[in-house]
């Protein structure tokens, strides 16, 4: 310290030191929602419902997959899905079964 600083420090009276918390906000705990694993495999979209049913029967016969569904998206659009799956292992197993049937454009969709 410089000599001037020492004289100022010696002359200024200090009664005590207090620390105030300037953070008046209450801390809110954030609860994370448990993420639910729910996915499906999109096989294909079809123009006719009969074609979609034929595809479902073929997959049941050749791949031994039973959780198939047909969703009507519009008057002329039907989607064949496998699932929903609640764990990654069953999703992987069904995806591999379909891959061996030479389906190239399979998509994995997250269920909402």
PDB file of N, CA and C in Angstrom:
ATOM      1  N   UNK A   1       0.827  -1.189   0.000  1.00  0.00           N
ATOM      2  CA  UNK A   1       0.000   0.000   0.000  1.00  0.00           C
ATOM      3  C   UNK A   1       0.869   1.249   0.000  1.00  0.00           C
ATOM      4  N   UNK A   2       0.292   2.305  -0.552  1.00  0.00           N
ATOM      5  CA  UNK A   2       0.974   3.592  -0.499  1.00  0.00           C
ATOM      6  C   UNK A   2       0.714   4.238   0.863  1.00  0.00           C
ATOM      7  N   UNK A   3       1.543   5.200   1.190  1.00  0.00           N
ATOM      8  CA  UNK A   3       1.396   5.874   2.490  1.00  0.00           C
ATOM      9  C   UNK A   3       0.072   6.612   2.589  1.00  0.00           C
ATOM     10  N   UNK A   4      -0.401   7.204   1.485  1.00  0.00           N
ATOM     11  CA  UNK A   4      -1.672   7.920   1.513  1.00  0.00           C
ATOM     12  C   UNK A   4      -2.839   6.981   1.813  1.00  0.00           C
ATOM     13  N   UNK A   5      -2.789   5.783   1.268  1.00  0.00           N
ATOM     14  CA  UNK A   5      -3.860   4.813   1.495  1.00  0.00           C
ATOM     15  C   UNK A   5      -3.888   4.365   2.954  1.00  0.00           C
ATOM     16  N   UNK A   6      -2.735   4.249   3.578  1.00  0.00           N
ATOM     17  CA  UNK A   6      -2.685   3.832   4.976  1.00  0.00           C
ATOM     18  C   UNK A   6      -3.312   4.886   5.875  1.00  0.00           C
ATOM     19  N   UNK A   7      -3.062   6.151   5.572  1.00  0.00           N
ATOM     20  CA  UNK A   7      -3.615   7.194   6.429  1.00  0.00           C
ATOM     21  C   UNK A   7      -5.123   7.272   6.283  1.00  0.00           C
ATOM     22  N   UNK A   8      -5.643   7.068   5.103  1.00  0.00           N
ATOM     23  CA  UNK A   8      -7.093   7.082   4.901  1.00  0.00           C
ATOM     24  C   UNK A   8      -7.721   5.894   5.620  1.00  0.00           C
ATOM     25  N   UNK A   9      -7.120   4.727   5.518  1.00  0.00           N
ATOM     26  CA  UNK A   9      -7.652   3.537   6.164  1.00  0.00           C
ATOM     27  C   UNK A   9      -7.624   3.679   7.675  1.00  0.00           C
ATOM     28  N   UNK A  10      -6.632   4.324   8.223  1.00  0.00           N
ATOM     29  CA  UNK A  10      -6.542   4.500   9.672  1.00  0.00           C
ATOM     30  C   UNK A  10      -7.543   5.522  10.171  1.00  0.00           C
ATOM     31  N   UNK A  11      -7.897   6.533   9.380  1.00  0.00           N
ATOM     32  CA  UNK A  11      -8.797   7.593   9.814  1.00  0.00           C
ATOM     33  C   UNK A  11     -10.267   7.225   9.670  1.00  0.00           C
ATOM     34  N   UNK A  12     -10.625   6.370   8.753  1.00  0.00           N
ATOM     35  CA  UNK A  12     -12.026   6.028   8.510  1.00  0.00           C
ATOM     36  C   UNK A  12     -12.497   5.017   9.550  1.00  0.00           C
ATOM     37  N   UNK A  13     -13.567   5.346  10.288  1.00  0.00           N
ATOM     38  CA  UNK A  13     -14.054   4.400  11.295  1.00  0.00           C
ATOM     39  C   UNK A  13     -14.904   3.303  10.648  1.00  0.00           C
ATOM     40  N   UNK A  14     -14.686   2.098  11.070  1.00  0.00           N
ATOM     41  CA  UNK A  14     -15.443   0.947  10.573  1.00  0.00           C
ATOM     42  C   UNK A  14     -16.085   0.275  11.779  1.00  0.00           C
ATOM     43  N   UNK A  15     -17.436   0.283  11.816  1.00  0.00           N
ATOM     44  CA  UNK A  15     -18.133  -0.321  12.948  1.00  0.00           C
ATOM     45  C   UNK A  15     -18.353  -1.819  12.761  1.00  0.00           C
ATOM     46  N   UNK A  16     -18.523  -2.226  11.552  1.00  0.00           N
ATOM     47  CA  UNK A  16     -18.753  -3.639  11.293  1.00  0.00           C
ATOM     48  C   UNK A  16     -19.009  -3.849   9.807  1.00  0.00           C
ATOM     49  N   UNK A  17     -19.039  -5.077   9.431  1.00  0.00           N
ATOM     50  CA  UNK A  17     -19.254  -5.432   8.023  1.00  0.00           C
ATOM     51  C   UNK A  17     -20.497  -6.308   7.957  1.00  0.00           C
ATOM     52  N   UNK A  18     -21.420  -5.953   7.061  1.00  0.00           N
ATOM     53  CA  UNK A  18     -22.624  -6.746   6.847  1.00  0.00           C
ATOM     54  C   UNK A  18     -22.697  -7.129   5.373  1.00  0.00           C
ATOM     55  N   UNK A  19     -23.196  -8.318   5.140  1.00  0.00           N
ATOM     56  CA  UNK A  19     -23.359  -8.785   3.765  1.00  0.00           C
ATOM     57  C   UNK A  19     -24.850  -8.986   3.532  1.00  0.00           C
ATOM     58  N   UNK A  20     -25.380  -8.302   2.554  1.00  0.00           N
ATOM     59  CA  UNK A  20     -26.797  -8.426   2.226  1.00  0.00           C
ATOM     60  C   UNK A  20     -26.944  -9.237   0.948  1.00  0.00           C
ATOM     61  N   UNK A  21     -27.964 -10.064   0.934  1.00  0.00           N
ATOM     62  CA  UNK A  21     -28.271 -10.863  -0.249  1.00  0.00           C
ATOM     63  C   UNK A  21     -29.136 -10.018  -1.183  1.00  0.00           C
ATOM     64  N   UNK A  22     -28.590  -9.652  -2.304  1.00  0.00           N
ATOM     65  CA  UNK A  22     -29.318  -8.829  -3.272  1.00  0.00           C
ATOM     66  C   UNK A  22     -30.207  -9.675  -4.185  1.00  0.00           C
ATOM     67  N   UNK A  23     -30.073 -10.952  -4.077  1.00  0.00           N
ATOM     68  CA  UNK A  23     -30.866 -11.855  -4.894  1.00  0.00           C
ATOM     69  C   UNK A  23     -32.158 -12.163  -4.152  1.00  0.00           C
ATOM     70  N   UNK A  24     -33.206 -11.410  -4.423  1.00  0.00           N
ATOM     71  CA  UNK A  24     -34.496 -11.600  -3.752  1.00  0.00           C
ATOM     72  C   UNK A  24     -35.365 -12.642  -4.436  1.00  0.00           C
ATOM     73  N   UNK A  25     -34.916 -13.154  -5.552  1.00  0.00           N
ATOM     74  CA  UNK A  25     -35.702 -14.138  -6.288  1.00  0.00           C
ATOM     75  C   UNK A  25     -35.641 -15.483  -5.576  1.00  0.00           C
ATOM     76  N   UNK A  26     -36.777 -16.146  -5.556  1.00  0.00           N
ATOM     77  CA  UNK A  26     -36.803 -17.489  -5.010  1.00  0.00           C
ATOM     78  C   UNK A  26     -36.336 -18.445  -6.101  1.00  0.00           C
ATOM     79  N   UNK A  27     -35.582 -19.376  -5.699  1.00  0.00           N
ATOM     80  CA  UNK A  27     -35.062 -20.342  -6.660  1.00  0.00           C
ATOM     81  C   UNK A  27     -36.153 -21.379  -6.929  1.00  0.00           C
ATOM     82  N   UNK A  28     -36.532 -21.469  -8.165  1.00  0.00           N
ATOM     83  CA  UNK A  28     -37.549 -22.435  -8.561  1.00  0.00           C
ATOM     84  C   UNK A  28     -36.859 -23.687  -9.057  1.00  0.00           C
ATOM     85  N   UNK A  29     -37.317 -24.789  -8.561  1.00  0.00           N
ATOM     86  CA  UNK A  29     -36.772 -26.060  -9.019  1.00  0.00           C
ATOM     87  C   UNK A  29     -37.483 -26.460 -10.304  1.00  0.00           C
ATOM     88  N   UNK A  30     -36.724 -26.780 -11.267  1.00  0.00           N
ATOM     89  CA  UNK A  30     -37.302 -27.209 -12.540  1.00  0.00           C
ATOM     90  C   UNK A  30     -37.411 -28.720 -12.527  1.00  0.00           C
ATOM     91  N   UNK A  31     -38.607 -29.182 -12.748  1.00  0.00           N
ATOM     92  CA  UNK A  31     -38.829 -30.609 -12.814  1.00  0.00           C
ATOM     93  C   UNK A  31     -38.841 -31.014 -14.279  1.00  0.00           C
ATOM     94  N   UNK A  32     -37.981 -31.924 -14.602  1.00  0.00           N
ATOM     95  CA  UNK A  32     -37.938 -32.380 -15.988  1.00  0.00           C
ATOM     96  C   UNK A  32     -38.993 -33.470 -16.178  1.00  0.00           C
ATOM     97  N   UNK A  33     -39.698 -33.352 -17.260  1.00  0.00           N
ATOM     98  CA  UNK A  33     -40.697 -34.359 -17.577  1.00  0.00           C
ATOM     99  C   UNK A  33     -39.982 -35.609 -18.051  1.00  0.00           C
ATOM    100  N   UNK A  34     -40.483 -36.715 -17.621  1.00  0.00           N
ATOM    101  CA  UNK A  34     -39.891 -37.975 -18.036  1.00  0.00           C
ATOM    102  C   UNK A  34     -40.195 -38.186 -19.515  1.00  0.00           C
ATOM    103  N   UNK A  35     -39.162 -38.357 -20.276  1.00  0.00           N
ATOM    104  CA  UNK A  35     -39.344 -38.551 -21.711  1.00  0.00           C
ATOM    105  C   UNK A  35     -39.796 -39.984 -21.979  1.00  0.00           C
ATOM    106  N   UNK A  36     -40.839 -40.077 -22.755  1.00  0.00           N
ATOM    107  CA  UNK A  36     -41.403 -41.379 -23.078  1.00  0.00           C
ATOM    108  C   UNK A  36     -40.849 -41.826 -24.422  1.00  0.00           C
ATOM    109  N   UNK A  37     -40.355 -43.040 -24.463  1.00  0.00           N
ATOM    110  CA  UNK A  37     -39.818 -43.610 -25.691  1.00  0.00           C
ATOM    111  C   UNK A  37     -40.973 -44.243 -26.449  1.00  0.00           C
ATOM    112  N   UNK A  38     -41.347 -43.644 -27.560  1.00  0.00           N
ATOM    113  CA  UNK A  38     -42.428 -44.167 -28.375  1.00  0.00           C
ATOM    114  C   UNK A  38     -42.136 -43.859 -29.842  1.00  0.00           C
ATOM    115  N   UNK A  39     -41.766 -44.902 -30.575  1.00  0.00           N
ATOM    116  CA  UNK A  39     -41.419 -44.760 -31.986  1.00  0.00           C
ATOM    117  C   UNK A  39     -42.146 -45.822 -32.808  1.00  0.00           C
ATOM    118  N   UNK A  40     -42.283 -45.544 -34.090  1.00  0.00           N
ATOM    119  CA  UNK A  40     -42.861 -46.488 -35.041  1.00  0.00           C
ATOM    120  C   UNK A  40     -41.994 -46.520 -36.287  1.00  0.00           C
ATOM    121  N   UNK A  41     -42.125 -47.602 -37.031  1.00  0.00           N
ATOM    122  CA  UNK A  41     -41.401 -47.735 -38.301  1.00  0.00           C
ATOM    123  C   UNK A  41     -42.406 -47.520 -39.425  1.00  0.00           C
ATOM    124  N   UNK A  42     -42.117 -46.539 -40.272  1.00  0.00           N
ATOM    125  CA  UNK A  42     -42.970 -46.279 -41.438  1.00  0.00           C
ATOM    126  C   UNK A  42     -42.471 -47.159 -42.577  1.00  0.00           C
ATOM    127  N   UNK A  43     -43.352 -48.027 -43.055  1.00  0.00           N
ATOM    128  CA  UNK A  43     -42.994 -48.923 -44.156  1.00  0.00           C
ATOM    129  C   UNK A  43     -43.173 -48.195 -45.483  1.00  0.00           C
ATOM    130  N   UNK A  44     -44.390 -47.685 -45.727  1.00  0.00           N
ATOM    131  CA  UNK A  44     -44.663 -46.994 -46.991  1.00  0.00           C
ATOM    132  C   UNK A  44     -46.029 -46.329 -46.919  1.00  0.00           C
ATOM    133  N   UNK A  45     -46.248 -45.410 -47.856  1.00  0.00           N
ATOM    134  CA  UNK A  45     -47.550 -44.775 -48.055  1.00  0.00           C
ATOM    135  C   UNK A  45     -48.150 -45.323 -49.341  1.00  0.00           C
ATOM    136  N   UNK A  46     -49.463 -45.574 -49.321  1.00  0.00           N
ATOM    137  CA  UNK A  46     -50.136 -46.165 -50.468  1.00  0.00           C
ATOM    138  C   UNK A  46     -51.339 -45.322 -50.870  1.00  0.00           C
ATOM    139  N   UNK A  47     -51.687 -45.424 -52.129  1.00  0.00           N
ATOM    140  CA  UNK A  47     -52.831 -44.692 -52.673  1.00  0.00           C
ATOM    141  C   UNK A  47     -54.133 -45.420 -52.349  1.00  0.00           C
ATOM    142  N   UNK A  48     -54.108 -46.753 -52.400  1.00  0.00           N
ATOM    143  CA  UNK A  48     -55.302 -47.551 -52.149  1.00  0.00           C
ATOM    144  C   UNK A  48     -55.179 -48.309 -50.832  1.00  0.00           C
ATOM    145  N   UNK A  49     -56.291 -48.438 -50.135  1.00  0.00           N
ATOM    146  CA  UNK A  49     -56.302 -49.160 -48.867  1.00  0.00           C
ATOM    147  C   UNK A  49     -56.058 -50.656 -49.090  1.00  0.00           C
ATOM    148  N   UNK A  50     -56.546 -51.196 -50.183  1.00  0.00           N
ATOM    149  CA  UNK A  50     -56.340 -52.615 -50.472  1.00  0.00           C
ATOM    150  C   UNK A  50     -54.860 -52.945 -50.647  1.00  0.00           C
ATOM    151  N   UNK A  51     -54.127 -52.053 -51.263  1.00  0.00           N
ATOM    152  CA  UNK A  51     -52.682 -52.251 -51.435  1.00  0.00           C
ATOM    153  C   UNK A  51     -51.984 -52.231 -50.082  1.00  0.00           C
ATOM    154  N   UNK A  52     -52.410 -51.343 -49.206  1.00  0.00           N
ATOM    155  CA  UNK A  52     -51.829 -51.275 -47.863  1.00  0.00           C
ATOM    156  C   UNK A  52     -52.119 -52.565 -47.091  1.00  0.00           C
ATOM    157  N   UNK A  53     -53.345 -53.097 -47.224  1.00  0.00           N
ATOM    158  CA  UNK A  53     -53.691 -54.353 -46.552  1.00  0.00           C
ATOM    159  C   UNK A  53     -52.873 -55.512 -47.093  1.00  0.00           C
ATOM    160  N   UNK A  54     -52.638 -55.514 -48.397  1.00  0.00           N
ATOM    161  CA  UNK A  54     -51.801 -56.552 -49.001  1.00  0.00           C
ATOM    162  C   UNK A  54     -50.384 -56.499 -48.440  1.00  0.00           C
ATOM    163  N   UNK A  55     -49.856 -55.290 -48.262  1.00  0.00           N
ATOM    164  CA  UNK A  55     -48.521 -55.133 -47.703  1.00  0.00           C
ATOM    165  C   UNK A  55     -48.475 -55.624 -46.252  1.00  0.00           C
ATOM    166  N   UNK A  56     -49.492 -55.321 -45.482  1.00  0.00           N
ATOM    167  CA  UNK A  56     -49.543 -55.776 -44.087  1.00  0.00           C
ATOM    168  C   UNK A  56     -49.545 -57.299 -44.025  1.00  0.00           C
ATOM    169  N   UNK A  57     -50.329 -57.937 -44.882  1.00  0.00           N
ATOM    170  CA  UNK A  57     -50.372 -59.409 -44.907  1.00  0.00           C
ATOM    171  C   UNK A  57     -49.031 -60.002 -45.316  1.00  0.00           C
ATOM    172  N   UNK A  58     -48.365 -59.377 -46.272  1.00  0.00           N
ATOM    173  CA  UNK A  58     -47.047 -59.856 -46.703  1.00  0.00           C
ATOM    174  C   UNK A  58     -46.022 -59.766 -45.561  1.00  0.00           C
ATOM    175  N   UNK A  59     -46.044 -58.652 -44.841  1.00  0.00           N
ATOM    176  CA  UNK A  59     -45.097 -58.480 -43.735  1.00  0.00           C
ATOM    177  C   UNK A  59     -45.382 -59.483 -42.625  1.00  0.00           C
ATOM    178  N   UNK A  60     -46.668 -59.721 -42.323  1.00  0.00           N
ATOM    179  CA  UNK A  60     -47.025 -60.709 -41.297  1.00  0.00           C
ATOM    180  C   UNK A  60     -46.543 -62.100 -41.682  1.00  0.00           C
ATOM    181  N   UNK A  61     -46.694 -62.446 -42.956  1.00  0.00           N
ATOM    182  CA  UNK A  61     -46.308 -63.783 -43.409  1.00  0.00           C
ATOM    183  C   UNK A  61     -44.790 -63.961 -43.484  1.00  0.00           C
ATOM    184  N   UNK A  62     -44.099 -63.001 -44.050  1.00  0.00           N
ATOM    185  CA  UNK A  62     -42.676 -63.165 -44.333  1.00  0.00           C
ATOM    186  C   UNK A  62     -41.758 -62.748 -43.183  1.00  0.00           C
ATOM    187  N   UNK A  63     -42.159 -61.770 -42.392  1.00  0.00           N
ATOM    188  CA  UNK A  63     -41.268 -61.265 -41.342  1.00  0.00           C
ATOM    189  C   UNK A  63     -41.734 -61.626 -39.938  1.00  0.00           C
ATOM    190  N   UNK A  64     -42.912 -62.208 -39.809  1.00  0.00           N
ATOM    191  CA  UNK A  64     -43.466 -62.588 -38.504  1.00  0.00           C
ATOM    192  C   UNK A  64     -43.555 -61.408 -37.552  1.00  0.00           C
ATOM    193  N   UNK A  65     -43.985 -60.274 -38.068  1.00  0.00           N
ATOM    194  CA  UNK A  65     -44.200 -59.079 -37.249  1.00  0.00           C
ATOM    195  C   UNK A  65     -45.705 -58.914 -37.090  1.00  0.00           C
ATOM    196  N   UNK A  66     -46.149 -58.718 -35.855  1.00  0.00           N
ATOM    197  CA  UNK A  66     -47.589 -58.694 -35.624  1.00  0.00           C
ATOM    198  C   UNK A  66     -48.159 -57.310 -35.306  1.00  0.00           C
ATOM    199  N   UNK A  67     -47.359 -56.387 -34.840  1.00  0.00           N
ATOM    200  CA  UNK A  67     -47.905 -55.084 -34.430  1.00  0.00           C
ATOM    201  C   UNK A  67     -47.901 -54.093 -35.599  1.00  0.00           C
ATOM    202  N   UNK A  68     -48.705 -54.402 -36.600  1.00  0.00           N
ATOM    203  CA  UNK A  68     -48.824 -53.572 -37.802  1.00  0.00           C
ATOM    204  C   UNK A  68     -50.128 -52.791 -37.758  1.00  0.00           C
ATOM    205  N   UNK A  69     -50.107 -51.614 -38.349  1.00  0.00           N
ATOM    206  CA  UNK A  69     -51.327 -50.823 -38.417  1.00  0.00           C
ATOM    207  C   UNK A  69     -51.354 -50.024 -39.716  1.00  0.00           C
ATOM    208  N   UNK A  70     -52.569 -49.686 -40.139  1.00  0.00           N
ATOM    209  CA  UNK A  70     -52.787 -48.844 -41.319  1.00  0.00           C
ATOM    210  C   UNK A  70     -53.468 -47.571 -40.837  1.00  0.00           C
ATOM    211  N   UNK A  71     -52.875 -46.442 -41.165  1.00  0.00           N
ATOM    212  CA  UNK A  71     -53.420 -45.149 -40.774  1.00  0.00           C
ATOM    213  C   UNK A  71     -53.901 -44.434 -42.034  1.00  0.00           C
ATOM    214  N   UNK A  72     -55.130 -43.945 -41.983  1.00  0.00           N
ATOM    215  CA  UNK A  72     -55.685 -43.202 -43.112  1.00  0.00           C
ATOM    216  C   UNK A  72     -55.292 -41.735 -42.948  1.00  0.00           C
ATOM    217  N   UNK A  73     -54.428 -41.240 -43.839  1.00  0.00           N
ATOM    218  CA  UNK A  73     -53.968 -39.854 -43.778  1.00  0.00           C
ATOM    219  C   UNK A  73     -54.887 -38.903 -44.530  1.00  0.00           C
ATOM    220  N   UNK A  74     -55.459 -39.382 -45.621  1.00  0.00           N
ATOM    221  CA  UNK A  74     -56.407 -38.593 -46.410  1.00  0.00           C
ATOM    222  C   UNK A  74     -57.298 -39.575 -47.170  1.00  0.00           C
ATOM    223  N   UNK A  75     -58.096 -39.050 -48.080  1.00  0.00           N
ATOM    224  CA  UNK A  75     -58.987 -39.925 -48.841  1.00  0.00           C
ATOM    225  C   UNK A  75     -58.216 -40.925 -49.694  1.00  0.00           C
ATOM    226  N   UNK A  76     -57.041 -40.517 -50.135  1.00  0.00           N
ATOM    227  CA  UNK A  76     -56.278 -41.370 -51.052  1.00  0.00           C
ATOM    228  C   UNK A  76     -54.866 -41.658 -50.547  1.00  0.00           C
ATOM    229  N   UNK A  77     -54.655 -41.592 -49.240  1.00  0.00           N
ATOM    230  CA  UNK A  77     -53.312 -41.856 -48.724  1.00  0.00           C
ATOM    231  C   UNK A  77     -53.410 -42.694 -47.455  1.00  0.00           C
ATOM    232  N   UNK A  78     -52.809 -43.881 -47.509  1.00  0.00           N
ATOM    233  CA  UNK A  78     -52.811 -44.821 -46.397  1.00  0.00           C
ATOM    234  C   UNK A  78     -51.368 -45.154 -46.048  1.00  0.00           C
ATOM    235  N   UNK A  79     -51.058 -45.120 -44.746  1.00  0.00           N
ATOM    236  CA  UNK A  79     -49.691 -45.366 -44.288  1.00  0.00           C
ATOM    237  C   UNK A  79     -49.647 -46.663 -43.483  1.00  0.00           C
ATOM    238  N   UNK A  80     -48.660 -47.515 -43.825  1.00  0.00           N
ATOM    239  CA  UNK A  80     -48.443 -48.755 -43.091  1.00  0.00           C
ATOM    240  C   UNK A  80     -47.335 -48.509 -42.075  1.00  0.00           C
ATOM    241  N   UNK A  81     -47.667 -48.769 -40.788  1.00  0.00           N
ATOM    242  CA  UNK A  81     -46.714 -48.565 -39.698  1.00  0.00           C
ATOM    243  C   UNK A  81     -46.514 -49.857 -38.927  1.00  0.00           C
ATOM    244  N   UNK A  82     -45.311 -50.010 -38.395  1.00  0.00           N
ATOM    245  CA  UNK A  82     -45.016 -51.090 -37.463  1.00  0.00           C
ATOM    246  C   UNK A  82     -44.770 -50.419 -36.117  1.00  0.00           C
ATOM    247  N   UNK A  83     -45.477 -50.864 -35.110  1.00  0.00           N
ATOM    248  CA  UNK A  83     -45.256 -50.273 -33.787  1.00  0.00           C
ATOM    249  C   UNK A  83     -46.559 -49.849 -33.170  1.00  0.00           C
ATOM    250  N   UNK A  84     -46.535 -49.120 -32.114  1.00  0.00           N
ATOM    251  CA  UNK A  84     -45.427 -48.365 -31.516  1.00  0.00           C
ATOM    252  C   UNK A  84     -44.519 -49.257 -30.667  1.00  0.00           C
ATOM    253  N   UNK A  85     -43.287 -48.805 -30.544  1.00  0.00           N
ATOM    254  CA  UNK A  85     -42.282 -49.498 -29.750  1.00  0.00           C
ATOM    255  C   UNK A  85     -41.966 -48.671 -28.514  1.00  0.00           C
ATOM    256  N   UNK A  86     -41.840 -49.344 -27.392  1.00  0.00           N
ATOM    257  CA  UNK A  86     -41.546 -48.664 -26.134  1.00  0.00           C
ATOM    258  C   UNK A  86     -40.106 -48.828 -25.680  1.00  0.00           C
ATOM    259  N   UNK A  87     -39.330 -49.600 -26.423  1.00  0.00           N
ATOM    260  CA  UNK A  87     -37.911 -49.748 -26.094  1.00  0.00           C
ATOM    261  C   UNK A  87     -37.109 -49.917 -27.379  1.00  0.00           C
ATOM    262  N   UNK A  88     -35.852 -49.598 -27.290  1.00  0.00           N
ATOM    263  CA  UNK A  88     -34.984 -49.573 -28.478  1.00  0.00           C
ATOM    264  C   UNK A  88     -34.702 -50.983 -29.007  1.00  0.00           C
ATOM    265  N   UNK A  89     -34.675 -51.977 -28.120  1.00  0.00           N
ATOM    266  CA  UNK A  89     -34.350 -53.338 -28.554  1.00  0.00           C
ATOM    267  C   UNK A  89     -35.425 -53.897 -29.483  1.00  0.00           C
ATOM    268  N   UNK A  90     -36.684 -53.756 -29.123  1.00  0.00           N
ATOM    269  CA  UNK A  90     -37.753 -54.274 -29.983  1.00  0.00           C
ATOM    270  C   UNK A  90     -37.835 -53.490 -31.290  1.00  0.00           C
ATOM    271  N   UNK A  91     -37.550 -52.198 -31.240  1.00  0.00           N
ATOM    272  CA  UNK A  91     -37.509 -51.387 -32.462  1.00  0.00           C
ATOM    273  C   UNK A  91     -36.413 -51.887 -33.387  1.00  0.00           C
ATOM    274  N   UNK A  92     -35.262 -52.148 -32.828  1.00  0.00           N
ATOM    275  CA  UNK A  92     -34.122 -52.634 -33.622  1.00  0.00           C
ATOM    276  C   UNK A  92     -34.416 -54.007 -34.225  1.00  0.00           C
ATOM    277  N   UNK A  93     -35.008 -54.900 -33.437  1.00  0.00           N
ATOM    278  CA  UNK A  93     -35.317 -56.243 -33.932  1.00  0.00           C
ATOM    279  C   UNK A  93     -36.284 -56.204 -35.116  1.00  0.00           C
ATOM    280  N   UNK A  94     -37.334 -55.409 -34.998  1.00  0.00           N
ATOM    281  CA  UNK A  94     -38.308 -55.307 -36.095  1.00  0.00           C
ATOM    282  C   UNK A  94     -37.698 -54.628 -37.318  1.00  0.00           C
ATOM    283  N   UNK A  95     -36.856 -53.627 -37.084  1.00  0.00           N
ATOM    284  CA  UNK A  95     -36.198 -52.943 -38.197  1.00  0.00           C
ATOM    285  C   UNK A  95     -35.293 -53.910 -38.959  1.00  0.00           C
ATOM    286  N   UNK A  96     -34.571 -54.752 -38.233  1.00  0.00           N
ATOM    287  CA  UNK A  96     -33.692 -55.729 -38.890  1.00  0.00           C
ATOM    288  C   UNK A  96     -34.478 -56.778 -39.657  1.00  0.00           C
ATOM    289  N   UNK A  97     -35.618 -57.210 -39.120  1.00  0.00           N
ATOM    290  CA  UNK A  97     -36.472 -58.171 -39.843  1.00  0.00           C
ATOM    291  C   UNK A  97     -36.946 -57.580 -41.169  1.00  0.00           C
ATOM    292  N   UNK A  98     -37.325 -56.308 -41.137  1.00  0.00           N
ATOM    293  CA  UNK A  98     -37.780 -55.651 -42.362  1.00  0.00           C
ATOM    294  C   UNK A  98     -36.625 -55.424 -43.339  1.00  0.00           C
ATOM    295  N   UNK A  99     -35.442 -55.179 -42.824  1.00  0.00           N
ATOM    296  CA  UNK A  99     -34.281 -54.945 -43.687  1.00  0.00           C
ATOM    297  C   UNK A  99     -33.947 -56.201 -44.491  1.00  0.00           C
ATOM    298  N   UNK A 100     -34.142 -57.367 -43.869  1.00  0.00           N
ATOM    299  CA  UNK A 100     -33.850 -58.609 -44.582  1.00  0.00           C
ATOM    300  C   UNK A 100     -34.866 -58.904 -45.682  1.00  0.00           C
ATOM    301  N   UNK A 101     -36.004 -58.210 -45.667  1.00  0.00           N
ATOM    302  CA  UNK A 101     -36.989 -58.350 -46.755  1.00  0.00           C
ATOM    303  C   UNK A 101     -36.699 -57.375 -47.895  1.00  0.00           C
ATOM    304  N   UNK A 102     -35.567 -56.714 -47.841  1.00  0.00           N
ATOM    305  CA  UNK A 102     -35.102 -55.770 -48.867  1.00  0.00           C
ATOM    306  C   UNK A 102     -35.970 -54.526 -48.988  1.00  0.00           C
ATOM    307  N   UNK A 103     -36.460 -54.027 -47.870  1.00  0.00           N
ATOM    308  CA  UNK A 103     -37.124 -52.726 -47.852  1.00  0.00           C
ATOM    309  C   UNK A 103     -36.046 -51.677 -47.642  1.00  0.00           C
ATOM    310  N   UNK A 104     -35.927 -50.743 -48.568  1.00  0.00           N
ATOM    311  CA  UNK A 104     -34.842 -49.776 -48.524  1.00  0.00           C
ATOM    312  C   UNK A 104     -35.248 -48.442 -47.908  1.00  0.00           C
ATOM    313  N   UNK A 105     -36.493 -48.061 -48.011  1.00  0.00           N
ATOM    314  CA  UNK A 105     -36.914 -46.729 -47.589  1.00  0.00           C
ATOM    315  C   UNK A 105     -37.676 -46.733 -46.269  1.00  0.00           C
ATOM    316  N   UNK A 106     -37.251 -47.536 -45.316  1.00  0.00           N
ATOM    317  CA  UNK A 106     -37.890 -47.541 -44.013  1.00  0.00           C
ATOM    318  C   UNK A 106     -37.523 -46.277 -43.246  1.00  0.00           C
ATOM    319  N   UNK A 107     -38.495 -45.747 -42.531  1.00  0.00           N
ATOM    320  CA  UNK A 107     -38.251 -44.545 -41.720  1.00  0.00           C
ATOM    321  C   UNK A 107     -38.680 -44.826 -40.294  1.00  0.00           C
ATOM    322  N   UNK A 108     -37.946 -44.252 -39.345  1.00  0.00           N
ATOM    323  CA  UNK A 108     -38.329 -44.346 -37.943  1.00  0.00           C
ATOM    324  C   UNK A 108     -38.954 -43.010 -37.563  1.00  0.00           C
ATOM    325  N   UNK A 109     -40.196 -43.087 -37.076  1.00  0.00           N
ATOM    326  CA  UNK A 109     -40.948 -41.874 -36.741  1.00  0.00           C
ATOM    327  C   UNK A 109     -41.197 -41.821 -35.238  1.00  0.00           C
ATOM    328  N   UNK A 110     -41.044 -40.640 -34.665  1.00  0.00           N
ATOM    329  CA  UNK A 110     -41.348 -40.440 -33.247  1.00  0.00           C
ATOM    330  C   UNK A 110     -42.838 -40.208 -33.105  1.00  0.00           C
ATOM    331  N   UNK A 111     -43.485 -40.969 -32.232  1.00  0.00           N
ATOM    332  CA  UNK A 111     -44.918 -40.820 -32.000  1.00  0.00           C
ATOM    333  C   UNK A 111     -45.162 -39.614 -31.111  1.00  0.00           C
ATOM    334  N   UNK A 112     -46.178 -38.866 -31.468  1.00  0.00           N
ATOM    335  CA  UNK A 112     -46.488 -37.657 -30.698  1.00  0.00           C
ATOM    336  C   UNK A 112     -47.637 -37.920 -29.758  1.00  0.00           C
TER     337      UNK A 112
END
